[in-house]
């Protein structure tokens, strides 16, 4: 498949809609179910910020940078702006919490000395985003 056949969805607008409904904050917690995941996040997607996902119930599969991971209750997924992800399937009882933090908010909060720590540990989180 050539690159011209791959469409990557920017989910900033999906999450921005949630930010707008809840006071336009840069940090948002959302609960997602299988219906929303299957309808909105089943194509390759990215977000200009960090997303932490905590699976509450059910099962799902997520592809992160074209590598598949199994998700079940109490699984945590850490996504950075460098990750391309999509949910490939989800059980009817799948539910998860998302903590979405806009990149602009993270940049405002990072003093210079923290950049070293983010870089050092960010590489391991990039390579192993599911814990």
Protein backbone atom coordinates (compact mmCIF):
# COMPACT_ATOMS: atom_id res chain seq x y z
CA UNK A 1 0.00 0.00 0.00
CA UNK A 2 1.41 3.39 -0.93
CA UNK A 3 1.34 6.35 1.43
CA UNK A 4 -1.25 8.07 -0.75
CA UNK A 5 -3.77 5.38 0.26
CA UNK A 6 -3.40 5.96 4.00
CA UNK A 7 -5.61 8.58 5.64
CA UNK A 8 -4.71 9.53 9.21
CA UNK A 9 -7.55 11.13 11.14
CA UNK A 10 -6.65 14.01 13.45
CA UNK A 11 -8.92 13.53 16.46
CA UNK A 12 -8.20 17.01 17.82
CA UNK A 13 -11.66 18.10 16.63
CA UNK A 14 -13.37 15.15 18.36
CA UNK A 15 -11.63 15.94 21.62
CA UNK A 16 -11.96 19.71 21.09
CA UNK A 17 -15.75 19.24 20.94
CA UNK A 18 -15.52 17.70 24.41
CA UNK A 19 -13.26 20.56 25.59
CA UNK A 20 -15.80 23.11 24.27
CA UNK A 21 -18.74 21.43 26.03
CA UNK A 22 -16.84 21.44 29.30
CA UNK A 23 -15.45 24.93 29.64
CA UNK A 24 -12.67 24.87 27.00
CA UNK A 25 -10.07 23.38 29.32
CA UNK A 26 -6.79 21.90 28.08
CA UNK A 27 -7.14 18.73 30.15
CA UNK A 28 -10.20 16.56 29.65
CA UNK A 29 -11.39 13.27 31.11
CA UNK A 30 -13.90 11.36 28.98
CA UNK A 31 -15.56 7.99 29.30
CA UNK A 32 -15.79 6.14 26.01
CA UNK A 33 -17.81 3.04 25.18
CA UNK A 34 -17.57 0.49 22.38
CA UNK A 35 -20.05 2.35 20.19
CA UNK A 36 -18.02 5.57 20.13
CA UNK A 37 -14.72 3.72 19.79
CA UNK A 38 -16.03 1.63 16.88
CA UNK A 39 -17.58 4.64 15.09
CA UNK A 40 -14.97 7.35 15.68
CA UNK A 41 -11.63 5.65 16.33
CA UNK A 42 -11.55 2.75 13.88
CA UNK A 43 -9.31 4.53 11.37
CA UNK A 44 -5.67 5.56 11.92
CA UNK A 45 -5.74 8.57 14.26
CA UNK A 46 -3.48 10.96 16.14
CA UNK A 47 -3.86 13.72 18.73
CA UNK A 48 -1.65 16.76 19.31
CA UNK A 49 -1.11 15.97 22.96
CA UNK A 50 -0.93 13.04 25.35
CA UNK A 51 -3.72 10.56 25.94
CA UNK A 52 -3.81 8.14 28.84
CA UNK A 53 -6.42 5.40 28.52
CA UNK A 54 -7.57 3.24 31.42
CA UNK A 55 -9.71 0.27 30.37
CA UNK A 56 -12.61 -0.18 32.79
CA UNK A 57 -14.34 -3.22 31.30
CA UNK A 58 -14.56 -5.44 28.25
CA UNK A 59 -11.90 -6.21 25.70
CA UNK A 60 -10.47 -4.38 22.73
CA UNK A 61 -7.59 -4.42 20.30
CA UNK A 62 -5.65 -1.29 19.49
CA UNK A 63 -3.06 -0.80 16.78
CA UNK A 64 -0.35 1.67 17.83
CA UNK A 65 2.19 2.55 15.15
CA UNK A 66 0.94 -0.54 13.28
CA UNK A 67 1.61 -2.94 16.18
CA UNK A 68 -1.42 -4.71 17.72
CA UNK A 69 -2.11 -4.81 21.46
CA UNK A 70 -4.82 -6.61 23.45
CA UNK A 71 -6.67 -4.46 25.96
CA UNK A 72 -8.70 -5.66 28.94
CA UNK A 73 -9.83 -4.24 32.29
CA UNK A 74 -7.10 -2.36 34.20
CA UNK A 75 -4.87 -2.00 31.13
CA UNK A 76 -3.28 1.44 30.74
CA UNK A 77 -2.33 2.90 27.35
CA UNK A 78 -0.04 5.93 27.07
CA UNK A 79 -0.20 7.76 23.73
CA UNK A 80 1.99 10.68 22.72
CA UNK A 81 1.69 12.99 19.69
CA UNK A 82 4.13 10.64 17.90
CA UNK A 83 1.73 7.69 18.02
CA UNK A 84 -0.65 6.72 15.24
CA UNK A 85 -3.40 4.52 16.67
CA UNK A 86 -6.72 2.92 15.87
CA UNK A 87 -9.07 0.55 17.63
CA UNK A 88 -9.49 -2.56 15.49
CA UNK A 89 -12.27 -4.22 17.50
CA UNK A 90 -14.07 -3.81 20.81
CA UNK A 91 -16.48 -5.98 22.77
CA UNK A 92 -19.99 -4.61 23.42
CA UNK A 93 -19.15 -4.09 27.10
CA UNK A 94 -15.91 -2.18 26.40
CA UNK A 95 -15.58 1.01 28.44
CA UNK A 96 -12.53 3.17 29.10
CA UNK A 97 -11.53 6.50 30.60
CA UNK A 98 -9.44 8.91 28.54
CA UNK A 99 -7.29 11.63 30.01
CA UNK A 100 -6.47 13.93 27.09
CA UNK A 101 -3.93 16.72 27.65
CA UNK A 102 -3.37 19.22 24.87
CA UNK A 103 0.23 19.70 23.74
CA UNK A 104 0.04 23.46 24.30
CA UNK A 105 -0.84 22.87 27.96
CA UNK A 106 2.08 20.45 28.38
CA UNK A 107 4.47 22.96 26.79
CA UNK A 108 3.32 25.70 29.18
CA UNK A 109 3.84 23.43 32.19
CA UNK A 110 7.33 22.15 31.35
CA UNK A 111 10.24 24.00 32.86
CA UNK A 112 13.51 23.51 30.99
CA UNK A 113 14.90 20.89 33.40
CA UNK A 114 11.85 18.66 32.85
CA UNK A 115 12.52 18.43 29.10
CA UNK A 116 15.47 16.12 29.80
CA UNK A 117 13.29 13.79 31.90
CA UNK A 118 10.48 13.79 29.30
CA UNK A 119 12.98 12.94 26.57
CA UNK A 120 14.70 10.21 28.60
CA UNK A 121 11.53 8.39 29.67
CA UNK A 122 9.48 9.33 26.62
CA UNK A 123 11.51 6.96 24.43
CA UNK A 124 10.60 3.95 26.59
CA UNK A 125 6.92 4.94 26.68
CA UNK A 126 6.95 5.40 22.90
CA UNK A 127 8.34 1.88 22.42
CA UNK A 128 6.04 0.24 25.03
CA UNK A 129 2.80 2.27 25.18
CA UNK A 130 0.61 -0.45 26.76
CA UNK A 131 1.19 -1.44 30.39
